[in-house]
Amino acid sequence: MEIALGWSLNGIWMLTYWQEAVTRGNVRFVPENWRGTYKVWLNHIQPWCISRQLWWGHQIPAWYGPDNHTFVADNLEEAQAQAQFHCCVLRP
């Protein structure tokens, strides 16, 4: 069996934000009874393996350096600038 690296999103840190969005009325459920289902879902939230998004064609803007350091950026140029800083400034 081979174990591959994966990316996970731990939604716990966003839990308060999501709950407040409903409480403040920024998010509205139609029909209203789905609000209860949403609260149950939030109370049982688990980390989501976003690596499986790749199967659906979603791209994760991350690049790996030769030392396996991960660079996350909006585009290749930003990732290259991060890599330059990492390789030449932080590790001369």
C-alpha atoms as a PDB file:
ATOM      1  CA  MET A   1       0.000   0.000   0.000  1.00  0.00           C
ATOM      2  CA  GLU A   2       1.312   3.437  -0.905  1.00  0.00           C
ATOM      3  CA  ILE A   3       0.583   6.522   1.146  1.00  0.00           C
ATOM      4  CA  ALA A   4       0.452   9.796  -0.767  1.00  0.00           C
ATOM      5  CA  LEU A   5       0.746  13.337   0.505  1.00  0.00           C
ATOM      6  CA  GLY A   6      -2.588  15.084   0.760  1.00  0.00           C
ATOM      7  CA  TRP A   7      -3.993  18.475   1.601  1.00  0.00           C
ATOM      8  CA  SER A   8      -6.705  18.845   4.215  1.00  0.00           C
ATOM      9  CA  LEU A   9      -8.864  21.773   5.219  1.00  0.00           C
ATOM     10  CA  ASN A  10      -9.755  21.894   8.877  1.00  0.00           C
ATOM     11  CA  GLY A  11     -13.028  23.823   8.920  1.00  0.00           C
ATOM     12  CA  ILE A  12     -13.041  24.158  12.710  1.00  0.00           C
ATOM     13  CA  TRP A  13     -11.301  27.552  12.530  1.00  0.00           C
ATOM     14  CA  MET A  14     -14.126  28.844  10.282  1.00  0.00           C
ATOM     15  CA  LEU A  15     -16.903  27.445  12.436  1.00  0.00           C
ATOM     16  CA  THR A  16     -17.644  30.684  14.311  1.00  0.00           C
ATOM     17  CA  TYR A  17     -17.667  32.677  11.065  1.00  0.00           C
ATOM     18  CA  TRP A  18     -20.133  30.287   9.434  1.00  0.00           C
ATOM     19  CA  GLN A  19     -22.387  30.249  12.502  1.00  0.00           C
ATOM     20  CA  GLU A  20     -22.396  34.055  12.730  1.00  0.00           C
ATOM     21  CA  ALA A  21     -23.236  34.381   9.032  1.00  0.00           C
ATOM     22  CA  VAL A  22     -26.500  32.546   9.663  1.00  0.00           C
ATOM     23  CA  THR A  23     -27.218  34.301  12.965  1.00  0.00           C
ATOM     24  CA  ARG A  24     -26.737  37.768  11.405  1.00  0.00           C
ATOM     25  CA  GLY A  25     -28.921  36.909   8.440  1.00  0.00           C
ATOM     26  CA  ASN A  26     -26.117  37.040   5.851  1.00  0.00           C
ATOM     27  CA  VAL A  27     -27.144  33.504   4.901  1.00  0.00           C
ATOM     28  CA  ARG A  28     -30.792  32.579   4.637  1.00  0.00           C
ATOM     29  CA  PHE A  29     -32.252  29.099   4.210  1.00  0.00           C
ATOM     30  CA  VAL A  30     -35.305  28.358   2.102  1.00  0.00           C
ATOM     31  CA  PRO A  31     -37.170  26.602   3.493  1.00  0.00           C
ATOM     32  CA  GLU A  32     -36.199  27.828   6.966  1.00  0.00           C
ATOM     33  CA  ASN A  33     -36.182  24.310   8.481  1.00  0.00           C
ATOM     34  CA  TRP A  34     -32.830  23.674   6.697  1.00  0.00           C
ATOM     35  CA  ARG A  35     -31.250  26.016   9.249  1.00  0.00           C
ATOM     36  CA  GLY A  36     -31.453  23.178  11.797  1.00  0.00           C
ATOM     37  CA  THR A  37     -29.820  20.733   9.393  1.00  0.00           C
ATOM     38  CA  TYR A  38     -27.029  23.244   8.787  1.00  0.00           C
ATOM     39  CA  LYS A  39     -26.428  23.625  12.536  1.00  0.00           C
ATOM     40  CA  VAL A  40     -26.248  19.843  12.958  1.00  0.00           C
ATOM     41  CA  TRP A  41     -23.765  19.658  10.071  1.00  0.00           C
ATOM     42  CA  LEU A  42     -21.605  22.409  11.619  1.00  0.00           C
ATOM     43  CA  ASN A  43     -21.602  20.664  14.983  1.00  0.00           C
ATOM     44  CA  HIS A  44     -20.229  17.511  13.335  1.00  0.00           C
ATOM     45  CA  ILE A  45     -17.814  19.109  10.875  1.00  0.00           C
ATOM     46  CA  GLN A  46     -14.696  17.083  10.061  1.00  0.00           C
ATOM     47  CA  PRO A  47     -11.507  17.994   8.207  1.00  0.00           C
ATOM     48  CA  TRP A  48     -12.028  17.784   4.439  1.00  0.00           C
ATOM     49  CA  CYS A  49      -9.402  16.193   2.226  1.00  0.00           C
ATOM     50  CA  ILE A  50      -9.167  18.752  -0.555  1.00  0.00           C
ATOM     51  CA  SER A  51      -6.703  16.557  -2.416  1.00  0.00           C
ATOM     52  CA  ARG A  52      -9.685  14.712  -3.837  1.00  0.00           C
ATOM     53  CA  GLN A  53     -10.755  17.965  -5.509  1.00  0.00           C
ATOM     54  CA  LEU A  54      -8.044  17.167  -8.031  1.00  0.00           C
ATOM     55  CA  TRP A  55     -10.203  14.317  -9.283  1.00  0.00           C
ATOM     56  CA  TRP A  56     -12.841  16.909 -10.156  1.00  0.00           C
ATOM     57  CA  GLY A  57     -10.392  19.121 -12.027  1.00  0.00           C
ATOM     58  CA  HIS A  58      -9.819  21.779  -9.373  1.00  0.00           C
ATOM     59  CA  GLN A  59      -6.273  23.048  -9.269  1.00  0.00           C
ATOM     60  CA  ILE A  60      -4.438  23.771  -6.039  1.00  0.00           C
ATOM     61  CA  PRO A  61      -2.021  26.684  -6.558  1.00  0.00           C
ATOM     62  CA  ALA A  62       0.968  25.012  -4.930  1.00  0.00           C
ATOM     63  CA  TRP A  63       4.433  24.270  -6.186  1.00  0.00           C
ATOM     64  CA  TYR A  64       7.165  22.145  -4.592  1.00  0.00           C
ATOM     65  CA  GLY A  65      10.809  23.145  -4.433  1.00  0.00           C
ATOM     66  CA  PRO A  66      13.757  20.752  -4.772  1.00  0.00           C
ATOM     67  CA  ASP A  67      13.840  20.417  -0.964  1.00  0.00           C
ATOM     68  CA  ASN A  68      10.073  19.591  -0.957  1.00  0.00           C
ATOM     69  CA  HIS A  69       9.232  22.982   0.554  1.00  0.00           C
ATOM     70  CA  THR A  70       5.728  24.010  -0.534  1.00  0.00           C
ATOM     71  CA  PHE A  71       5.080  27.372  -2.162  1.00  0.00           C
ATOM     72  CA  VAL A  72       1.466  28.527  -2.388  1.00  0.00           C
ATOM     73  CA  ALA A  73       0.770  31.536  -4.606  1.00  0.00           C
ATOM     74  CA  ASP A  74      -1.780  32.952  -7.017  1.00  0.00           C
ATOM     75  CA  ASN A  75       0.469  32.358 -10.009  1.00  0.00           C
ATOM     76  CA  LEU A  76       3.779  30.857 -11.096  1.00  0.00           C
ATOM     77  CA  GLU A  77       5.646  34.182 -10.905  1.00  0.00           C
ATOM     78  CA  GLU A  78       4.700  34.665  -7.239  1.00  0.00           C
ATOM     79  CA  ALA A  79       5.691  31.077  -6.465  1.00  0.00           C
ATOM     80  CA  GLN A  80       9.050  31.616  -8.150  1.00  0.00           C
ATOM     81  CA  ALA A  81       9.611  34.783  -6.084  1.00  0.00           C
ATOM     82  CA  GLN A  82       8.823  32.821  -2.914  1.00  0.00           C
ATOM     83  CA  ALA A  83      11.214  30.078  -4.002  1.00  0.00           C
ATOM     84  CA  GLN A  84      13.947  32.626  -4.710  1.00  0.00           C
ATOM     85  CA  PHE A  85      13.480  34.126  -1.249  1.00  0.00           C
ATOM     86  CA  HIS A  86      13.383  30.682   0.400  1.00  0.00           C
ATOM     87  CA  CYS A  87      16.432  29.318  -1.387  1.00  0.00           C
ATOM     88  CA  CYS A  88      18.642  32.382  -1.552  1.00  0.00           C
ATOM     89  CA  VAL A  89      17.683  34.646   1.369  1.00  0.00           C
ATOM     90  CA  LEU A  90      16.543  32.252   4.072  1.00  0.00           C
ATOM     91  CA  ARG A  91      19.074  29.567   3.147  1.00  0.00           C
ATOM     92  CA  PRO A  92      22.127  31.271   1.608  1.00  0.00           C
END
